[in-house]
Amino acid sequence: MMITETEVIARFTQLNAQVLEHWIAAGWLKPHRDEKGFLFDDADIARTHLLCDLCYDMELRDEEMTMVLSLIDQLHSTRSLLRAMTAAVHSQPHEIREAILTTVRIHLAPPDSN
């Protein structure tokens, strides 16, 4: 379900149109746009909630916000990649899965202290 900019602002008591427009201009929010204005989906609403927490509760400045959002986005991408790799491994025959898990365990094992 898509909602308008006015509806987004109504959901977040501290948020105003100027701040929301700043977040969009900064690229921190990327809502859909049509001839009537911006439209926000569930992911945009979740991102707006995060931005409100970072801006109003944690009082991050723009530079800090950019860095934190970049790290969060990288983590999200890494999680997606890990899910895809896990699904690919699970689709392999048992012997291949075991060989992959053995190799992963070897790479994750602490180095010998000898």
PDB file of N, CA and C in Angstrom:
ATOM      1  N   MET A   1       0.833  -1.172   0.000  1.00  0.00           N
ATOM      2  CA  MET A   1       0.000   0.000   0.000  1.00  0.00           C
ATOM      3  C   MET A   1       0.888   1.249   0.000  1.00  0.00           C
ATOM      4  N   MET A   2       0.569   2.186  -0.837  1.00  0.00           N
ATOM      5  CA  MET A   2       1.328   3.426  -0.951  1.00  0.00           C
ATOM      6  C   MET A   2       0.570   4.544  -0.229  1.00  0.00           C
ATOM      7  N   ILE A   3       1.345   5.390   0.458  1.00  0.00           N
ATOM      8  CA  ILE A   3       0.717   6.538   1.127  1.00  0.00           C
ATOM      9  C   ILE A   3       1.426   7.827   0.700  1.00  0.00           C
ATOM     10  N   THR A   4       0.769   8.928   0.892  1.00  0.00           N
ATOM     11  CA  THR A   4       1.287  10.227   0.462  1.00  0.00           C
ATOM     12  C   THR A   4       2.232  10.824   1.503  1.00  0.00           C
ATOM     13  N   GLU A   5       2.895  11.881   1.089  1.00  0.00           N
ATOM     14  CA  GLU A   5       3.800  12.618   1.986  1.00  0.00           C
ATOM     15  C   GLU A   5       3.039  13.148   3.197  1.00  0.00           C
ATOM     16  N   THR A   6       1.856  13.661   2.982  1.00  0.00           N
ATOM     17  CA  THR A   6       1.033  14.184   4.082  1.00  0.00           C
ATOM     18  C   THR A   6       0.717  13.088   5.089  1.00  0.00           C
ATOM     19  N   GLU A   7       0.419  11.890   4.598  1.00  0.00           N
ATOM     20  CA  GLU A   7       0.106  10.768   5.488  1.00  0.00           C
ATOM     21  C   GLU A   7       1.343  10.314   6.259  1.00  0.00           C
ATOM     22  N   VAL A   8       2.491  10.365   5.616  1.00  0.00           N
ATOM     23  CA  VAL A   8       3.747  10.001   6.303  1.00  0.00           C
ATOM     24  C   VAL A   8       4.006  10.977   7.444  1.00  0.00           C
ATOM     25  N   ILE A   9       3.889  12.255   7.166  1.00  0.00           N
ATOM     26  CA  ILE A   9       4.140  13.275   8.191  1.00  0.00           C
ATOM     27  C   ILE A   9       3.161  13.114   9.355  1.00  0.00           C
ATOM     28  N   ALA A  10       1.927  12.737   9.049  1.00  0.00           N
ATOM     29  CA  ALA A  10       0.931  12.548  10.107  1.00  0.00           C
ATOM     30  C   ALA A  10       1.276  11.366  11.014  1.00  0.00           C
ATOM     31  N   ARG A  11       1.988  10.388  10.482  1.00  0.00           N
ATOM     32  CA  ARG A  11       2.350   9.197  11.279  1.00  0.00           C
ATOM     33  C   ARG A  11       3.477   9.464  12.270  1.00  0.00           C
ATOM     34  N   PHE A  12       4.307  10.437  11.981  1.00  0.00           N
ATOM     35  CA  PHE A  12       5.490  10.710  12.804  1.00  0.00           C
ATOM     36  C   PHE A  12       5.368  12.112  13.391  1.00  0.00           C
ATOM     37  N   THR A  13       5.119  12.175  14.669  1.00  0.00           N
ATOM     38  CA  THR A  13       4.795  13.448  15.312  1.00  0.00           C
ATOM     39  C   THR A  13       5.916  14.484  15.218  1.00  0.00           C
ATOM     40  N   GLN A  14       7.161  14.067  15.237  1.00  0.00           N
ATOM     41  CA  GLN A  14       8.270  15.027  15.196  1.00  0.00           C
ATOM     42  C   GLN A  14       8.616  15.461  13.772  1.00  0.00           C
ATOM     43  N   LEU A  15       8.144  14.732  12.787  1.00  0.00           N
ATOM     44  CA  LEU A  15       8.528  14.957  11.399  1.00  0.00           C
ATOM     45  C   LEU A  15       7.716  16.091  10.768  1.00  0.00           C
ATOM     46  N   ASN A  16       8.391  16.905   9.958  1.00  0.00           N
ATOM     47  CA  ASN A  16       7.682  17.930   9.193  1.00  0.00           C
ATOM     48  C   ASN A  16       8.102  17.826   7.728  1.00  0.00           C
ATOM     49  N   ALA A  17       7.387  18.538   6.865  1.00  0.00           N
ATOM     50  CA  ALA A  17       7.605  18.446   5.420  1.00  0.00           C
ATOM     51  C   ALA A  17       9.024  18.851   5.024  1.00  0.00           C
ATOM     52  N   GLN A  18       9.562  19.876   5.676  1.00  0.00           N
ATOM     53  CA  GLN A  18      10.901  20.357   5.340  1.00  0.00           C
ATOM     54  C   GLN A  18      11.955  19.281   5.621  1.00  0.00           C
ATOM     55  N   VAL A  19      11.865  18.628   6.756  1.00  0.00           N
ATOM     56  CA  VAL A  19      12.822  17.573   7.107  1.00  0.00           C
ATOM     57  C   VAL A  19      12.667  16.395   6.157  1.00  0.00           C
ATOM     58  N   LEU A  20      11.425  15.992   5.884  1.00  0.00           N
ATOM     59  CA  LEU A  20      11.190  14.876   4.974  1.00  0.00           C
ATOM     60  C   LEU A  20      11.775  15.176   3.592  1.00  0.00           C
ATOM     61  N   GLU A  21      11.574  16.384   3.098  1.00  0.00           N
ATOM     62  CA  GLU A  21      12.133  16.777   1.802  1.00  0.00           C
ATOM     63  C   GLU A  21      13.657  16.773   1.831  1.00  0.00           C
ATOM     64  N   HIS A  22      14.238  17.172   2.953  1.00  0.00           N
ATOM     65  CA  HIS A  22      15.698  17.136   3.099  1.00  0.00           C
ATOM     66  C   HIS A  22      16.207  15.693   3.014  1.00  0.00           C
ATOM     67  N   TRP A  23      15.522  14.783   3.697  1.00  0.00           N
ATOM     68  CA  TRP A  23      15.927  13.378   3.662  1.00  0.00           C
ATOM     69  C   TRP A  23      15.827  12.804   2.258  1.00  0.00           C
ATOM     70  N   ILE A  24      14.818  13.199   1.517  1.00  0.00           N
ATOM     71  CA  ILE A  24      14.665  12.733   0.132  1.00  0.00           C
ATOM     72  C   ILE A  24      15.775  13.330  -0.733  1.00  0.00           C
ATOM     73  N   ALA A  25      16.033  14.631  -0.596  1.00  0.00           N
ATOM     74  CA  ALA A  25      17.089  15.298  -1.373  1.00  0.00           C
ATOM     75  C   ALA A  25      18.465  14.709  -1.066  1.00  0.00           C
ATOM     76  N   ALA A  26      18.686  14.301   0.190  1.00  0.00           N
ATOM     77  CA  ALA A  26      19.967  13.704   0.590  1.00  0.00           C
ATOM     78  C   ALA A  26      20.108  12.270   0.082  1.00  0.00           C
ATOM     79  N   GLY A  27      19.011  11.692  -0.397  1.00  0.00           N
ATOM     80  CA  GLY A  27      19.051  10.315  -0.881  1.00  0.00           C
ATOM     81  C   GLY A  27      18.865   9.278   0.209  1.00  0.00           C
ATOM     82  N   TRP A  28      18.517   9.730   1.397  1.00  0.00           N
ATOM     83  CA  TRP A  28      18.320   8.797   2.511  1.00  0.00           C
ATOM     84  C   TRP A  28      16.986   8.089   2.407  1.00  0.00           C
ATOM     85  N   LEU A  29      16.033   8.720   1.759  1.00  0.00           N
ATOM     86  CA  LEU A  29      14.722   8.132   1.458  1.00  0.00           C
ATOM     87  C   LEU A  29      14.534   8.215  -0.047  1.00  0.00           C
ATOM     88  N   LYS A  30      13.999   7.153  -0.645  1.00  0.00           N
ATOM     89  CA  LYS A  30      13.800   7.131  -2.096  1.00  0.00           C
ATOM     90  C   LYS A  30      12.384   6.674  -2.427  1.00  0.00           C
ATOM     91  N   PRO A  31      11.391   7.510  -2.067  1.00  0.00           N
ATOM     92  CA  PRO A  31      10.007   7.130  -2.354  1.00  0.00           C
ATOM     93  C   PRO A  31       9.718   7.220  -3.858  1.00  0.00           C
ATOM     94  N   HIS A  32       8.638   6.590  -4.256  1.00  0.00           N
ATOM     95  CA  HIS A  32       8.179   6.689  -5.639  1.00  0.00           C
ATOM     96  C   HIS A  32       7.627   8.092  -5.851  1.00  0.00           C
ATOM     97  N   ARG A  33       7.637   8.521  -7.092  1.00  0.00           N
ATOM     98  CA  ARG A  33       7.106   9.850  -7.383  1.00  0.00           C
ATOM     99  C   ARG A  33       6.181   9.754  -8.587  1.00  0.00           C
ATOM    100  N   ASP A  34       5.036  10.379  -8.480  1.00  0.00           N
ATOM    101  CA  ASP A  34       4.133  10.494  -9.619  1.00  0.00           C
ATOM    102  C   ASP A  34       3.754  11.954  -9.805  1.00  0.00           C
ATOM    103  N   GLU A  35       2.800  12.222 -10.666  1.00  0.00           N
ATOM    104  CA  GLU A  35       2.434  13.612 -10.948  1.00  0.00           C
ATOM    105  C   GLU A  35       1.866  14.340  -9.735  1.00  0.00           C
ATOM    106  N   LYS A  36       1.381  13.601  -8.746  1.00  0.00           N
ATOM    107  CA  LYS A  36       0.802  14.214  -7.548  1.00  0.00           C
ATOM    108  C   LYS A  36       1.826  14.440  -6.438  1.00  0.00           C
ATOM    109  N   GLY A  37       2.984  13.813  -6.538  1.00  0.00           N
ATOM    110  CA  GLY A  37       4.001  13.960  -5.500  1.00  0.00           C
ATOM    111  C   GLY A  37       4.621  12.634  -5.126  1.00  0.00           C
ATOM    112  N   PHE A  38       5.186  12.573  -3.944  1.00  0.00           N
ATOM    113  CA  PHE A  38       5.862  11.372  -3.473  1.00  0.00           C
ATOM    114  C   PHE A  38       4.856  10.376  -2.908  1.00  0.00           C
ATOM    115  N   LEU A  39       5.143   9.101  -3.164  1.00  0.00           N
ATOM    116  CA  LEU A  39       4.349   8.008  -2.601  1.00  0.00           C
ATOM    117  C   LEU A  39       5.301   7.073  -1.872  1.00  0.00           C
ATOM    118  N   PHE A  40       4.911   6.658  -0.675  1.00  0.00           N
ATOM    119  CA  PHE A  40       5.764   5.868   0.207  1.00  0.00           C
ATOM    120  C   PHE A  40       5.183   4.477   0.388  1.00  0.00           C
ATOM    121  N   ASP A  41       6.041   3.458   0.253  1.00  0.00           N
ATOM    122  CA  ASP A  41       5.605   2.082   0.516  1.00  0.00           C
ATOM    123  C   ASP A  41       6.049   1.661   1.919  1.00  0.00           C
ATOM    124  N   ASP A  42       5.809   0.413   2.266  1.00  0.00           N
ATOM    125  CA  ASP A  42       6.142  -0.075   3.611  1.00  0.00           C
ATOM    126  C   ASP A  42       7.634   0.067   3.930  1.00  0.00           C
ATOM    127  N   ALA A  43       8.480  -0.201   2.937  1.00  0.00           N
ATOM    128  CA  ALA A  43       9.927  -0.065   3.160  1.00  0.00           C
ATOM    129  C   ALA A  43      10.300   1.394   3.430  1.00  0.00           C
ATOM    130  N   ASP A  44       9.658   2.309   2.708  1.00  0.00           N
ATOM    131  CA  ASP A  44       9.909   3.736   2.943  1.00  0.00           C
ATOM    132  C   ASP A  44       9.480   4.154   4.341  1.00  0.00           C
ATOM    133  N   ILE A  45       8.359   3.614   4.804  1.00  0.00           N
ATOM    134  CA  ILE A  45       7.868   3.932   6.153  1.00  0.00           C
ATOM    135  C   ILE A  45       8.846   3.412   7.202  1.00  0.00           C
ATOM    136  N   ALA A  46       9.330   2.180   7.008  1.00  0.00           N
ATOM    137  CA  ALA A  46      10.313   1.618   7.940  1.00  0.00           C
ATOM    138  C   ALA A  46      11.589   2.464   7.952  1.00  0.00           C
ATOM    139  N   ARG A  47      12.028   2.900   6.779  1.00  0.00           N
ATOM    140  CA  ARG A  47      13.230   3.729   6.682  1.00  0.00           C
ATOM    141  C   ARG A  47      12.986   5.094   7.361  1.00  0.00           C
ATOM    142  N   THR A  48      11.781   5.640   7.190  1.00  0.00           N
ATOM    143  CA  THR A  48      11.443   6.909   7.842  1.00  0.00           C
ATOM    144  C   THR A  48      11.488   6.755   9.358  1.00  0.00           C
ATOM    145  N   HIS A  49      10.996   5.632   9.840  1.00  0.00           N
ATOM    146  CA  HIS A  49      11.043   5.358  11.285  1.00  0.00           C
ATOM    147  C   HIS A  49      12.496   5.337  11.757  1.00  0.00           C
ATOM    148  N   LEU A  50      13.351   4.650  11.018  1.00  0.00           N
ATOM    149  CA  LEU A  50      14.775   4.598  11.353  1.00  0.00           C
ATOM    150  C   LEU A  50      15.381   6.006  11.336  1.00  0.00           C
ATOM    151  N   LEU A  51      15.089   6.768  10.300  1.00  0.00           N
ATOM    152  CA  LEU A  51      15.622   8.128  10.212  1.00  0.00           C
ATOM    153  C   LEU A  51      15.162   8.993  11.382  1.00  0.00           C
ATOM    154  N   CYS A  52      13.902   8.857  11.779  1.00  0.00           N
ATOM    155  CA  CYS A  52      13.405   9.609  12.941  1.00  0.00           C
ATOM    156  C   CYS A  52      14.179   9.213  14.200  1.00  0.00           C
ATOM    157  N   ASP A  53      14.395   7.914  14.383  1.00  0.00           N
ATOM    158  CA  ASP A  53      15.168   7.463  15.548  1.00  0.00           C
ATOM    159  C   ASP A  53      16.573   8.056  15.543  1.00  0.00           C
ATOM    160  N   LEU A  54      17.233   7.991  14.390  1.00  0.00           N
ATOM    161  CA  LEU A  54      18.605   8.480  14.297  1.00  0.00           C
ATOM    162  C   LEU A  54      18.678  10.005  14.446  1.00  0.00           C
ATOM    163  N   CYS A  55      17.717  10.686  13.866  1.00  0.00           N
ATOM    164  CA  CYS A  55      17.722  12.157  13.882  1.00  0.00           C
ATOM    165  C   CYS A  55      17.251  12.729  15.217  1.00  0.00           C
ATOM    166  N   TYR A  56      16.100  12.260  15.673  1.00  0.00           N
ATOM    167  CA  TYR A  56      15.487  12.887  16.854  1.00  0.00           C
ATOM    168  C   TYR A  56      15.916  12.239  18.165  1.00  0.00           C
ATOM    169  N   ASP A  57      16.022  10.922  18.199  1.00  0.00           N
ATOM    170  CA  ASP A  57      16.397  10.249  19.446  1.00  0.00           C
ATOM    171  C   ASP A  57      17.913  10.246  19.667  1.00  0.00           C
ATOM    172  N   MET A  58      18.665   9.955  18.601  1.00  0.00           N
ATOM    173  CA  MET A  58      20.124   9.888  18.728  1.00  0.00           C
ATOM    174  C   MET A  58      20.810  11.192  18.336  1.00  0.00           C
ATOM    175  N   GLU A  59      20.042  12.108  17.775  1.00  0.00           N
ATOM    176  CA  GLU A  59      20.524  13.444  17.409  1.00  0.00           C
ATOM    177  C   GLU A  59      21.759  13.421  16.501  1.00  0.00           C
ATOM    178  N   LEU A  60      21.738  12.538  15.490  1.00  0.00           N
ATOM    179  CA  LEU A  60      22.850  12.484  14.546  1.00  0.00           C
ATOM    180  C   LEU A  60      22.798  13.676  13.604  1.00  0.00           C
ATOM    181  N   ARG A  61      23.963  14.205  13.301  1.00  0.00           N
ATOM    182  CA  ARG A  61      24.072  15.275  12.303  1.00  0.00           C
ATOM    183  C   ARG A  61      24.119  14.639  10.911  1.00  0.00           C
ATOM    184  N   ASP A  62      24.029  15.446   9.873  1.00  0.00           N
ATOM    185  CA  ASP A  62      23.992  14.927   8.505  1.00  0.00           C
ATOM    186  C   ASP A  62      25.180  14.027   8.172  1.00  0.00           C
ATOM    187  N   GLU A  63      26.384  14.445   8.550  1.00  0.00           N
ATOM    188  CA  GLU A  63      27.580  13.649   8.238  1.00  0.00           C
ATOM    189  C   GLU A  63      27.510  12.287   8.923  1.00  0.00           C
ATOM    190  N   GLU A  64      27.108  12.307  10.168  1.00  0.00           N
ATOM    191  CA  GLU A  64      26.983  11.054  10.922  1.00  0.00           C
ATOM    192  C   GLU A  64      25.857  10.194  10.344  1.00  0.00           C
ATOM    193  N   MET A  65      24.759  10.828   9.975  1.00  0.00           N
ATOM    194  CA  MET A  65      23.626  10.109   9.397  1.00  0.00           C
ATOM    195  C   MET A  65      24.051   9.394   8.115  1.00  0.00           C
ATOM    196  N   THR A  66      24.794  10.092   7.271  1.00  0.00           N
ATOM    197  CA  THR A  66      25.261   9.498   6.016  1.00  0.00           C
ATOM    198  C   THR A  66      26.111   8.264   6.285  1.00  0.00           C
ATOM    199  N   MET A  67      27.015   8.365   7.252  1.00  0.00           N
ATOM    200  CA  MET A  67      27.889   7.242   7.568  1.00  0.00           C
ATOM    201  C   MET A  67      27.092   6.071   8.153  1.00  0.00           C
ATOM    202  N   VAL A  68      26.215   6.329   9.101  1.00  0.00           N
ATOM    203  CA  VAL A  68      25.432   5.272   9.738  1.00  0.00           C
ATOM    204  C   VAL A  68      24.524   4.590   8.717  1.00  0.00           C
ATOM    205  N   LEU A  69      23.862   5.371   7.875  1.00  0.00           N
ATOM    206  CA  LEU A  69      22.984   4.782   6.864  1.00  0.00           C
ATOM    207  C   LEU A  69      23.764   3.947   5.856  1.00  0.00           C
ATOM    208  N   SER A  70      24.949   4.397   5.495  1.00  0.00           N
ATOM    209  CA  SER A  70      25.795   3.619   4.592  1.00  0.00           C
ATOM    210  C   SER A  70      26.142   2.258   5.208  1.00  0.00           C
ATOM    211  N   LEU A  71      26.505   2.270   6.485  1.00  0.00           N
ATOM    212  CA  LEU A  71      26.834   1.012   7.167  1.00  0.00           C
ATOM    213  C   LEU A  71      25.611   0.103   7.281  1.00  0.00           C
ATOM    214  N   ILE A  72      24.458   0.668   7.592  1.00  0.00           N
ATOM    215  CA  ILE A  72      23.224  -0.123   7.680  1.00  0.00           C
ATOM    216  C   ILE A  72      22.892  -0.729   6.320  1.00  0.00           C
ATOM    217  N   ASP A  73      23.025   0.066   5.260  1.00  0.00           N
ATOM    218  CA  ASP A  73      22.732  -0.437   3.914  1.00  0.00           C
ATOM    219  C   ASP A  73      23.708  -1.540   3.509  1.00  0.00           C
ATOM    220  N   GLN A  74      24.972  -1.386   3.869  1.00  0.00           N
ATOM    221  CA  GLN A  74      25.958  -2.434   3.583  1.00  0.00           C
ATOM    222  C   GLN A  74      25.615  -3.715   4.324  1.00  0.00           C
ATOM    223  N   LEU A  75      25.218  -3.585   5.581  1.00  0.00           N
ATOM    224  CA  LEU A  75      24.835  -4.748   6.368  1.00  0.00           C
ATOM    225  C   LEU A  75      23.623  -5.441   5.758  1.00  0.00           C
ATOM    226  N   HIS A  76      22.648  -4.656   5.330  1.00  0.00           N
ATOM    227  CA  HIS A  76      21.451  -5.216   4.691  1.00  0.00           C
ATOM    228  C   HIS A  76      21.824  -5.976   3.416  1.00  0.00           C
ATOM    229  N   SER A  77      22.708  -5.397   2.600  1.00  0.00           N
ATOM    230  CA  SER A  77      23.159  -6.067   1.373  1.00  0.00           C
ATOM    231  C   SER A  77      23.899  -7.360   1.692  1.00  0.00           C
ATOM    232  N   THR A  78      24.719  -7.323   2.723  1.00  0.00           N
ATOM    233  CA  THR A  78      25.466  -8.521   3.128  1.00  0.00           C
ATOM    234  C   THR A  78      24.523  -9.620   3.596  1.00  0.00           C
ATOM    235  N   ARG A  79      23.483  -9.252   4.356  1.00  0.00           N
ATOM    236  CA  ARG A  79      22.495 -10.229   4.808  1.00  0.00           C
ATOM    237  C   ARG A  79      21.761 -10.852   3.626  1.00  0.00           C
ATOM    238  N   SER A  80      21.430 -10.047   2.629  1.00  0.00           N
ATOM    239  CA  SER A  80      20.746 -10.565   1.440  1.00  0.00           C
ATOM    240  C   SER A  80      21.643 -11.543   0.692  1.00  0.00           C
ATOM    241  N   LEU A  81      22.910 -11.181   0.553  1.00  0.00           N
ATOM    242  CA  LEU A  81      23.865 -12.064  -0.108  1.00  0.00           C
ATOM    243  C   LEU A  81      24.023 -13.367   0.670  1.00  0.00           C
ATOM    244  N   LEU A  82      24.124 -13.275   1.989  1.00  0.00           N
ATOM    245  CA  LEU A  82      24.259 -14.472   2.816  1.00  0.00           C
ATOM    246  C   LEU A  82      23.039 -15.378   2.690  1.00  0.00           C
ATOM    247  N   ARG A  83      21.832 -14.783   2.652  1.00  0.00           N
ATOM    248  CA  ARG A  83      20.613 -15.587   2.460  1.00  0.00           C
ATOM    249  C   ARG A  83      20.644 -16.313   1.120  1.00  0.00           C
ATOM    250  N   ALA A  84      21.068 -15.622   0.070  1.00  0.00           N
ATOM    251  CA  ALA A  84      21.137 -16.236  -1.261  1.00  0.00           C
ATOM    252  C   ALA A  84      22.171 -17.357  -1.286  1.00  0.00           C
ATOM    253  N   MET A  85      23.313 -17.123  -0.651  1.00  0.00           N
ATOM    254  CA  MET A  85      24.346 -18.164  -0.619  1.00  0.00           C
ATOM    255  C   MET A  85      23.887 -19.369   0.197  1.00  0.00           C
ATOM    256  N   THR A  86      23.198 -19.120   1.301  1.00  0.00           N
ATOM    257  CA  THR A  86      22.674 -20.209   2.125  1.00  0.00           C
ATOM    258  C   THR A  86      21.675 -21.040   1.335  1.00  0.00           C
ATOM    259  N   ALA A  87      20.796 -20.385   0.588  1.00  0.00           N
ATOM    260  CA  ALA A  87      19.829 -21.114  -0.237  1.00  0.00           C
ATOM    261  C   ALA A  87      20.544 -21.932  -1.311  1.00  0.00           C
ATOM    262  N   ALA A  88      21.593 -21.367  -1.905  1.00  0.00           N
ATOM    263  CA  ALA A  88      22.353 -22.092  -2.929  1.00  0.00           C
ATOM    264  C   ALA A  88      23.035 -23.323  -2.336  1.00  0.00           C
ATOM    265  N   VAL A  89      23.614 -23.171  -1.151  1.00  0.00           N
ATOM    266  CA  VAL A  89      24.277 -24.318  -0.498  1.00  0.00           C
ATOM    267  C   VAL A  89      23.252 -25.395  -0.156  1.00  0.00           C
ATOM    268  N   HIS A  90      22.098 -24.988   0.385  1.00  0.00           N
ATOM    269  CA  HIS A  90      21.065 -25.958   0.756  1.00  0.00           C
ATOM    270  C   HIS A  90      20.502 -26.712  -0.440  1.00  0.00           C
ATOM    271  N   SER A  91      20.634 -26.139  -1.640  1.00  0.00           N
ATOM    272  CA  SER A  91      20.113 -26.816  -2.831  1.00  0.00           C
ATOM    273  C   SER A  91      21.087 -27.859  -3.381  1.00  0.00           C
ATOM    274  N   GLN A  92      22.272 -27.938  -2.802  1.00  0.00           N
ATOM    275  CA  GLN A  92      23.285 -28.885  -3.273  1.00  0.00           C
ATOM    276  C   GLN A  92      23.100 -30.251  -2.621  1.00  0.00           C
ATOM    277  N   PRO A  93      23.657 -31.273  -3.255  1.00  0.00           N
ATOM    278  CA  PRO A  93      23.606 -32.615  -2.643  1.00  0.00           C
ATOM    279  C   PRO A  93      24.319 -32.618  -1.287  1.00  0.00           C
ATOM    280  N   HIS A  94      23.966 -33.574  -0.446  1.00  0.00           N
ATOM    281  CA  HIS A  94      24.489 -33.674   0.918  1.00  0.00           C
ATOM    282  C   HIS A  94      26.012 -33.611   0.954  1.00  0.00           C
ATOM    283  N   GLU A  95      26.674 -34.352   0.073  1.00  0.00           N
ATOM    284  CA  GLU A  95      28.148 -34.402   0.091  1.00  0.00           C
ATOM    285  C   GLU A  95      28.754 -33.025  -0.182  1.00  0.00           C
ATOM    286  N   ILE A  96      28.164 -32.306  -1.095  1.00  0.00           N
ATOM    287  CA  ILE A  96      28.662 -30.963  -1.423  1.00  0.00           C
ATOM    288  C   ILE A  96      28.439 -30.019  -0.242  1.00  0.00           C
ATOM    289  N   ARG A  97      27.244 -30.099   0.371  1.00  0.00           N
ATOM    290  CA  ARG A  97      26.963 -29.259   1.546  1.00  0.00           C
ATOM    291  C   ARG A  97      27.977 -29.524   2.644  1.00  0.00           C
ATOM    292  N   GLU A  98      28.255 -30.792   2.914  1.00  0.00           N
ATOM    293  CA  GLU A  98      29.223 -31.140   3.960  1.00  0.00           C
ATOM    294  C   GLU A  98      30.613 -30.622   3.628  1.00  0.00           C
ATOM    295  N   ALA A  99      31.012 -30.705   2.368  1.00  0.00           N
ATOM    296  CA  ALA A  99      32.332 -30.206   1.963  1.00  0.00           C
ATOM    297  C   ALA A  99      32.406 -28.693   2.153  1.00  0.00           C
ATOM    298  N   ILE A 100      31.349 -27.992   1.809  1.00  0.00           N
ATOM    299  CA  ILE A 100      31.314 -26.535   1.991  1.00  0.00           C
ATOM    300  C   ILE A 100      31.392 -26.190   3.473  1.00  0.00           C
ATOM    301  N   LEU A 101      30.596 -26.872   4.302  1.00  0.00           N
ATOM    302  CA  LEU A 101      30.610 -26.594   5.746  1.00  0.00           C
ATOM    303  C   LEU A 101      31.974 -26.880   6.360  1.00  0.00           C
ATOM    304  N   THR A 102      32.629 -27.941   5.926  1.00  0.00           N
ATOM    305  CA  THR A 102      33.967 -28.259   6.428  1.00  0.00           C
ATOM    306  C   THR A 102      34.947 -27.146   6.075  1.00  0.00           C
ATOM    307  N   THR A 103      34.874 -26.677   4.834  1.00  0.00           N
ATOM    308  CA  THR A 103      35.763 -25.605   4.399  1.00  0.00           C
ATOM    309  C   THR A 103      35.487 -24.313   5.172  1.00  0.00           C
ATOM    310  N   VAL A 104      34.220 -24.005   5.403  1.00  0.00           N
ATOM    311  CA  VAL A 104      33.865 -22.811   6.177  1.00  0.00           C
ATOM    312  C   VAL A 104      34.418 -22.919   7.591  1.00  0.00           C
ATOM    313  N   ARG A 105      34.254 -24.085   8.221  1.00  0.00           N
ATOM    314  CA  ARG A 105      34.777 -24.274   9.590  1.00  0.00           C
ATOM    315  C   ARG A 105      36.286 -24.076   9.641  1.00  0.00           C
ATOM    316  N   ILE A 106      36.984 -24.553   8.622  1.00  0.00           N
ATOM    317  CA  ILE A 106      38.440 -24.396   8.571  1.00  0.00           C
ATOM    318  C   ILE A 106      38.798 -22.910   8.510  1.00  0.00           C
ATOM    319  N   HIS A 107      38.074 -22.166   7.676  1.00  0.00           N
ATOM    320  CA  HIS A 107      38.362 -20.741   7.519  1.00  0.00           C
ATOM    321  C   HIS A 107      37.981 -19.929   8.754  1.00  0.00           C
ATOM    322  N   LEU A 108      37.005 -20.397   9.522  1.00  0.00           N
ATOM    323  CA  LEU A 108      36.571 -19.676  10.711  1.00  0.00           C
ATOM    324  C   LEU A 108      37.341 -20.066  11.974  1.00  0.00           C
ATOM    325  N   ALA A 109      38.075 -21.158  11.904  1.00  0.00           N
ATOM    326  CA  ALA A 109      38.812 -21.632  13.085  1.00  0.00           C
ATOM    327  C   ALA A 109      39.916 -20.634  13.428  1.00  0.00           C
ATOM    328  N   PRO A 110      40.108 -20.427  14.737  1.00  0.00           N
ATOM    329  CA  PRO A 110      41.206 -19.531  15.134  1.00  0.00           C
ATOM    330  C   PRO A 110      42.552 -20.108  14.690  1.00  0.00           C
ATOM    331  N   PRO A 111      43.497 -19.252  14.370  1.00  0.00           N
ATOM    332  CA  PRO A 111      44.819 -19.746  13.954  1.00  0.00           C
ATOM    333  C   PRO A 111      45.496 -20.486  15.097  1.00  0.00           C
ATOM    334  N   ASP A 112      46.307 -21.460  14.717  1.00  0.00           N
ATOM    335  CA  ASP A 112      47.062 -22.211  15.739  1.00  0.00           C
ATOM    336  C   ASP A 112      48.021 -21.277  16.464  1.00  0.00           C
ATOM    337  N   SER A 113      48.122 -21.491  17.756  1.00  0.00           N
ATOM    338  CA  SER A 113      49.039 -20.647  18.544  1.00  0.00           C
ATOM    339  C   SER A 113      50.395 -21.293  18.705  1.00  0.00           C
ATOM    340  N   ASN A 114      50.664 -22.340  17.958  1.00  0.00           N
ATOM    341  CA  ASN A 114      51.968 -23.022  18.044  1.00  0.00           C
ATOM    342  C   ASN A 114      53.034 -22.252  17.360  1.00  0.00           C
TER     343      ASN A 114
END
